[in-house]
Protein backbone atom coordinates (compact mmCIF):
# COMPACT_ATOMS: atom_id res chain seq x y z
CA MET A 1 1.23 3.13 -10.44
CA ASP A 2 -1.44 1.42 -12.54
CA ASN A 3 -3.57 -0.89 -10.40
CA ASN A 4 -2.95 -3.90 -12.68
CA ILE A 5 0.81 -3.45 -12.41
CA PHE A 6 0.50 -2.98 -8.65
CA LYS A 7 -1.45 -6.25 -8.35
CA GLY A 8 1.15 -8.05 -10.44
CA LYS A 9 4.04 -6.82 -8.32
CA TRP A 10 2.27 -7.17 -4.97
CA LYS A 11 4.10 -10.30 -3.83
CA GLN A 12 7.41 -8.54 -4.35
CA MET A 13 6.20 -5.31 -2.79
CA LYS A 14 4.55 -6.75 0.34
CA GLY A 15 7.78 -6.72 2.30
CA GLU A 16 8.50 -3.15 1.31
CA ALA A 17 4.97 -2.12 2.30
CA ARG A 18 5.50 -3.77 5.68
CA LYS A 19 8.73 -1.78 6.16
CA GLN A 20 7.02 1.46 5.18
CA TRP A 21 3.88 0.90 7.28
CA GLY A 22 4.89 -1.30 10.20
CA LYS A 23 1.44 -1.15 11.76
CA LEU A 24 0.03 -3.19 8.87
CA THR A 25 -0.27 -6.83 9.84
CA ASP A 26 0.39 -9.84 7.64
CA ASP A 27 -3.38 -10.36 7.56
CA ASP A 28 -3.84 -6.76 6.38
CA LEU A 29 -1.34 -7.31 3.60
CA ASP A 30 -3.08 -10.54 2.56
CA VAL A 31 -6.46 -8.78 2.46
CA ILE A 32 -5.01 -5.87 0.47
CA ALA A 33 -3.88 -8.38 -2.18
CA GLY A 34 -2.38 -5.73 -4.40
CA GLU A 35 -5.40 -3.43 -4.46
CA LYS A 36 -4.40 0.21 -4.14
CA ASP A 37 -7.70 1.33 -2.61
CA LYS A 38 -7.47 -1.32 0.09
CA LEU A 39 -3.91 -0.29 0.93
CA VAL A 40 -4.89 3.37 1.12
CA GLY A 41 -7.83 2.42 3.35
CA LYS A 42 -5.62 0.42 5.70
CA ILE A 43 -3.14 3.30 5.92
CA GLN A 44 -6.04 5.56 6.89
CA GLU A 45 -7.31 3.07 9.45
CA ARG A 46 -4.02 2.14 11.11
CA TYR A 47 -2.41 5.59 11.07
CA GLY A 48 -5.43 7.89 11.34
CA ARG A 49 -4.58 9.66 8.09
CA SER A 50 -7.04 11.51 5.89
CA LYS A 51 -7.78 9.93 2.53
CA ASP A 52 -5.75 12.64 0.77
CA ASP A 53 -2.76 12.09 3.06
CA ALA A 54 -2.94 8.32 2.66
CA GLU A 55 -3.19 8.68 -1.13
CA ARG A 56 -0.17 10.98 -1.11
CA GLU A 57 1.84 8.53 1.01
CA TYR A 58 0.92 5.70 -1.33
CA SER A 59 1.88 7.76 -4.41
CA GLU A 60 5.26 8.70 -2.97
CA TRP A 61 5.93 5.11 -1.90
CA SER A 62 4.78 3.47 -5.14
CA SER A 63 6.76 5.90 -7.29
CA ARG A 64 9.90 4.05 -6.17
CA TYR A 65 8.67 0.92 -7.93
CA ARG A 66 7.81 2.26 -11.34
CA ASP A 67 9.64 0.63 -14.18
């Protein structure tokens, strides 16, 4: 998903991100603020994933929200 679209939809997607990655806190989600790289970084941090794995998880998750 294009980063600009992701930022625009972030308020709607925050709840879905929280369901997908329950270890992310509300503060994490506020800091992420719709920035893909920040979300990928938090997935790496909270779940101990490699960057490639976190990117893949993000891609699979975000593909559900494409128009």
